[in-house]
Amino acid sequence: MEREQEGWLGLRRISEALWAQARADYATAVTLLDAGVYYASVFFSQQAAEKALKAASIDRLQKLPKSHNIVQMANNLGAPIEVMNAAAELNSEFLATRNPENSEGVPAQNYDKRSARIHIRCAQVIVDWIKAIR
């Protein structure tokens, strides 16, 4: 029983850390949009969504997802369609924003202000939903 409780308390600490980092990543995405670093803004938008969903997975399902598939995480949490659509928009950006071999061309050249704004809005939808259900 004590070991189980220690495990749950450890997961709760991870959940709180993920939630705090999700909010920081969202703020970073906005800052990078304002600075004109669009590919990095998109990456941090995806990261904000992923970390928020992982925190909620711990809170609701008592487990930490091991993948980066935010569509699957949102689905496992019973997310509404708006959240599922936002997750679908952000899902592939984990790889596409980081490595030229995982995208068509150079990530730093593949994004513009409009796409960064779209991805920030998607992250906001997810973060706001997680905030409401935590």
C-alpha atoms as a PDB file:
ATOM      1  CA  MET A   1       0.000   0.000   0.000  1.00  0.00           C
ATOM      2  CA  GLU A   2       2.790   2.441   0.915  1.00  0.00           C
ATOM      3  CA  ARG A   3       4.667   1.698  -2.324  1.00  0.00           C
ATOM      4  CA  GLU A   4       1.457   2.272  -4.316  1.00  0.00           C
ATOM      5  CA  GLN A   5       0.952   5.609  -2.603  1.00  0.00           C
ATOM      6  CA  GLU A   6       4.581   6.608  -3.296  1.00  0.00           C
ATOM      7  CA  GLY A   7       4.060   5.713  -6.961  1.00  0.00           C
ATOM      8  CA  TRP A   8       0.907   7.813  -7.179  1.00  0.00           C
ATOM      9  CA  LEU A   9       2.563  10.760  -5.414  1.00  0.00           C
ATOM     10  CA  GLY A  10       5.449  10.514  -7.864  1.00  0.00           C
ATOM     11  CA  LEU A  11       3.016  10.573 -10.770  1.00  0.00           C
ATOM     12  CA  ARG A  12       1.224  13.569  -9.245  1.00  0.00           C
ATOM     13  CA  ARG A  13       4.534  15.453  -9.064  1.00  0.00           C
ATOM     14  CA  ILE A  14       5.194  14.591 -12.698  1.00  0.00           C
ATOM     15  CA  SER A  15       1.680  15.751 -13.614  1.00  0.00           C
ATOM     16  CA  GLU A  16       2.192  19.095 -11.884  1.00  0.00           C
ATOM     17  CA  ALA A  17       5.586  19.537 -13.570  1.00  0.00           C
ATOM     18  CA  LEU A  18       4.137  18.672 -16.989  1.00  0.00           C
ATOM     19  CA  TRP A  19       1.266  21.122 -16.470  1.00  0.00           C
ATOM     20  CA  ALA A  20       3.652  23.919 -15.459  1.00  0.00           C
ATOM     21  CA  GLN A  21       5.889  23.189 -18.448  1.00  0.00           C
ATOM     22  CA  ALA A  22       2.883  23.069 -20.797  1.00  0.00           C
ATOM     23  CA  ARG A  23       1.957  26.606 -19.774  1.00  0.00           C
ATOM     24  CA  ALA A  24       5.582  27.741 -20.156  1.00  0.00           C
ATOM     25  CA  ASP A  25       5.813  26.103 -23.593  1.00  0.00           C
ATOM     26  CA  TYR A  26       2.623  27.881 -24.665  1.00  0.00           C
ATOM     27  CA  ALA A  27       4.075  31.236 -23.564  1.00  0.00           C
ATOM     28  CA  THR A  28       7.276  30.392 -25.447  1.00  0.00           C
ATOM     29  CA  ALA A  29       5.265  29.653 -28.603  1.00  0.00           C
ATOM     30  CA  VAL A  30       3.631  33.088 -28.380  1.00  0.00           C
ATOM     31  CA  THR A  31       6.989  34.801 -27.766  1.00  0.00           C
ATOM     32  CA  LEU A  32       8.546  33.027 -30.755  1.00  0.00           C
ATOM     33  CA  LEU A  33       5.600  34.000 -32.961  1.00  0.00           C
ATOM     34  CA  ASP A  34       6.150  37.636 -31.992  1.00  0.00           C
ATOM     35  CA  ALA A  35       9.875  37.239 -32.736  1.00  0.00           C
ATOM     36  CA  GLY A  36       9.169  35.767 -36.183  1.00  0.00           C
ATOM     37  CA  VAL A  37      10.665  32.342 -35.401  1.00  0.00           C
ATOM     38  CA  TYR A  38       7.694  30.480 -36.778  1.00  0.00           C
ATOM     39  CA  TYR A  39       8.923  26.876 -36.945  1.00  0.00           C
ATOM     40  CA  ALA A  40       9.974  27.023 -33.281  1.00  0.00           C
ATOM     41  CA  SER A  41       6.648  28.611 -32.347  1.00  0.00           C
ATOM     42  CA  VAL A  42       4.873  25.660 -33.981  1.00  0.00           C
ATOM     43  CA  PHE A  43       7.160  23.194 -32.174  1.00  0.00           C
ATOM     44  CA  PHE A  44       6.454  24.768 -28.776  1.00  0.00           C
ATOM     45  CA  SER A  45       2.721  24.820 -29.568  1.00  0.00           C
ATOM     46  CA  GLN A  46       2.873  21.056 -30.112  1.00  0.00           C
ATOM     47  CA  GLN A  47       4.916  20.634 -26.933  1.00  0.00           C
ATOM     48  CA  ALA A  48       2.424  22.645 -24.877  1.00  0.00           C
ATOM     49  CA  ALA A  49      -0.413  20.434 -26.100  1.00  0.00           C
ATOM     50  CA  GLU A  50       1.524  17.216 -25.540  1.00  0.00           C
ATOM     51  CA  LYS A  51       2.577  18.075 -21.996  1.00  0.00           C
ATOM     52  CA  ALA A  52      -0.915  19.262 -21.055  1.00  0.00           C
ATOM     53  CA  LEU A  53      -2.408  16.018 -22.370  1.00  0.00           C
ATOM     54  CA  LYS A  54       0.193  13.953 -20.521  1.00  0.00           C
ATOM     55  CA  ALA A  55      -0.610  15.788 -17.279  1.00  0.00           C
ATOM     56  CA  ALA A  56      -4.321  15.108 -17.790  1.00  0.00           C
ATOM     57  CA  SER A  57      -3.593  11.450 -18.595  1.00  0.00           C
ATOM     58  CA  ILE A  58      -1.881  11.094 -15.241  1.00  0.00           C
ATOM     59  CA  ASP A  59      -4.714  12.902 -13.457  1.00  0.00           C
ATOM     60  CA  ARG A  60      -7.537  11.012 -15.163  1.00  0.00           C
ATOM     61  CA  LEU A  61      -6.039   7.643 -16.145  1.00  0.00           C
ATOM     62  CA  GLN A  62      -3.222   7.309 -13.591  1.00  0.00           C
ATOM     63  CA  LYS A  63      -0.656   6.655 -16.299  1.00  0.00           C
ATOM     64  CA  LEU A  64       1.950   8.605 -18.221  1.00  0.00           C
ATOM     65  CA  PRO A  65       1.717   8.077 -21.989  1.00  0.00           C
ATOM     66  CA  LYS A  66       5.028   6.999 -23.490  1.00  0.00           C
ATOM     67  CA  SER A  67       4.404   8.200 -27.041  1.00  0.00           C
ATOM     68  CA  HIS A  68       4.146  11.609 -28.674  1.00  0.00           C
ATOM     69  CA  ASN A  69       0.796  10.813 -30.327  1.00  0.00           C
ATOM     70  CA  ILE A  70      -1.404  13.577 -29.009  1.00  0.00           C
ATOM     71  CA  VAL A  71      -4.416  12.418 -31.040  1.00  0.00           C
ATOM     72  CA  GLN A  72      -4.319   9.111 -29.185  1.00  0.00           C
ATOM     73  CA  MET A  73      -3.857  10.874 -25.831  1.00  0.00           C
ATOM     74  CA  ALA A  74      -6.820  13.172 -26.491  1.00  0.00           C
ATOM     75  CA  ASN A  75      -8.947  10.233 -27.617  1.00  0.00           C
ATOM     76  CA  ASN A  76      -8.065   8.242 -24.492  1.00  0.00           C
ATOM     77  CA  LEU A  77      -9.278  11.206 -22.434  1.00  0.00           C
ATOM     78  CA  GLY A  78     -12.584  11.391 -24.312  1.00  0.00           C
ATOM     79  CA  ALA A  79     -11.815  14.795 -25.771  1.00  0.00           C
ATOM     80  CA  PRO A  80     -14.523  16.713 -27.629  1.00  0.00           C
ATOM     81  CA  ILE A  81     -14.278  17.131 -31.401  1.00  0.00           C
ATOM     82  CA  GLU A  82     -12.724  20.610 -31.221  1.00  0.00           C
ATOM     83  CA  VAL A  83      -9.872  19.237 -29.099  1.00  0.00           C
ATOM     84  CA  MET A  84      -9.492  16.206 -31.373  1.00  0.00           C
ATOM     85  CA  ASN A  85      -9.237  18.493 -34.411  1.00  0.00           C
ATOM     86  CA  ALA A  86      -6.613  20.639 -32.676  1.00  0.00           C
ATOM     87  CA  ALA A  87      -4.639  17.528 -31.727  1.00  0.00           C
ATOM     88  CA  ALA A  88      -4.788  16.292 -35.325  1.00  0.00           C
ATOM     89  CA  GLU A  89      -3.412  19.617 -36.565  1.00  0.00           C
ATOM     90  CA  LEU A  90      -0.508  19.542 -34.090  1.00  0.00           C
ATOM     91  CA  ASN A  91       0.283  15.817 -34.045  1.00  0.00           C
ATOM     92  CA  SER A  92       2.861  15.626 -36.841  1.00  0.00           C
ATOM     93  CA  GLU A  93       4.655  18.817 -35.838  1.00  0.00           C
ATOM     94  CA  PHE A  94       6.738  17.008 -33.212  1.00  0.00           C
ATOM     95  CA  LEU A  95       8.979  15.703 -36.005  1.00  0.00           C
ATOM     96  CA  ALA A  96       8.266  18.073 -38.877  1.00  0.00           C
ATOM     97  CA  THR A  97       9.494  21.153 -36.996  1.00  0.00           C
ATOM     98  CA  ARG A  98      12.770  19.599 -35.873  1.00  0.00           C
ATOM     99  CA  ASN A  99      14.482  17.650 -38.631  1.00  0.00           C
ATOM    100  CA  PRO A 100      14.791  18.234 -42.379  1.00  0.00           C
ATOM    101  CA  GLU A 101      14.671  14.469 -42.982  1.00  0.00           C
ATOM    102  CA  ASN A 102      11.227  14.367 -41.368  1.00  0.00           C
ATOM    103  CA  SER A 103       9.776  17.200 -43.402  1.00  0.00           C
ATOM    104  CA  GLU A 104       9.762  18.521 -46.898  1.00  0.00           C
ATOM    105  CA  GLY A 105      12.596  20.995 -46.901  1.00  0.00           C
ATOM    106  CA  VAL A 106      14.095  22.977 -44.057  1.00  0.00           C
ATOM    107  CA  PRO A 107      11.773  23.343 -41.048  1.00  0.00           C
ATOM    108  CA  ALA A 108      12.899  26.951 -40.502  1.00  0.00           C
ATOM    109  CA  GLN A 109      11.635  27.745 -44.014  1.00  0.00           C
ATOM    110  CA  ASN A 110       8.406  25.702 -43.930  1.00  0.00           C
ATOM    111  CA  TYR A 111       6.342  27.881 -41.592  1.00  0.00           C
ATOM    112  CA  ASP A 112       4.999  31.408 -41.716  1.00  0.00           C
ATOM    113  CA  LYS A 113       3.131  33.734 -39.376  1.00  0.00           C
ATOM    114  CA  ARG A 114      -0.250  32.364 -40.436  1.00  0.00           C
ATOM    115  CA  SER A 115       0.682  28.733 -39.769  1.00  0.00           C
ATOM    116  CA  ALA A 116       2.261  29.624 -36.424  1.00  0.00           C
ATOM    117  CA  ARG A 117      -0.942  31.421 -35.399  1.00  0.00           C
ATOM    118  CA  ILE A 118      -3.050  28.417 -36.399  1.00  0.00           C
ATOM    119  CA  HIS A 119      -0.899  26.080 -34.334  1.00  0.00           C
ATOM    120  CA  ILE A 120      -0.926  28.406 -31.322  1.00  0.00           C
ATOM    121  CA  ARG A 121      -4.734  28.471 -31.498  1.00  0.00           C
ATOM    122  CA  CYS A 122      -4.758  24.671 -31.577  1.00  0.00           C
ATOM    123  CA  ALA A 123      -2.491  24.512 -28.535  1.00  0.00           C
ATOM    124  CA  GLN A 124      -4.729  27.014 -26.757  1.00  0.00           C
ATOM    125  CA  VAL A 125      -7.817  24.887 -27.422  1.00  0.00           C
ATOM    126  CA  ILE A 126      -6.103  21.877 -25.864  1.00  0.00           C
ATOM    127  CA  VAL A 127      -4.565  23.724 -22.921  1.00  0.00           C
ATOM    128  CA  ASP A 128      -7.867  25.458 -22.146  1.00  0.00           C
ATOM    129  CA  TRP A 129      -9.729  22.126 -22.238  1.00  0.00           C
ATOM    130  CA  ILE A 130      -7.174  20.487 -19.955  1.00  0.00           C
ATOM    131  CA  LYS A 131      -7.400  23.434 -17.549  1.00  0.00           C
ATOM    132  CA  ALA A 132     -11.180  22.969 -17.433  1.00  0.00           C
ATOM    133  CA  ILE A 133     -11.029  19.216 -16.700  1.00  0.00           C
ATOM    134  CA  ARG A 134      -8.121  19.152 -14.223  1.00  0.00           C
END
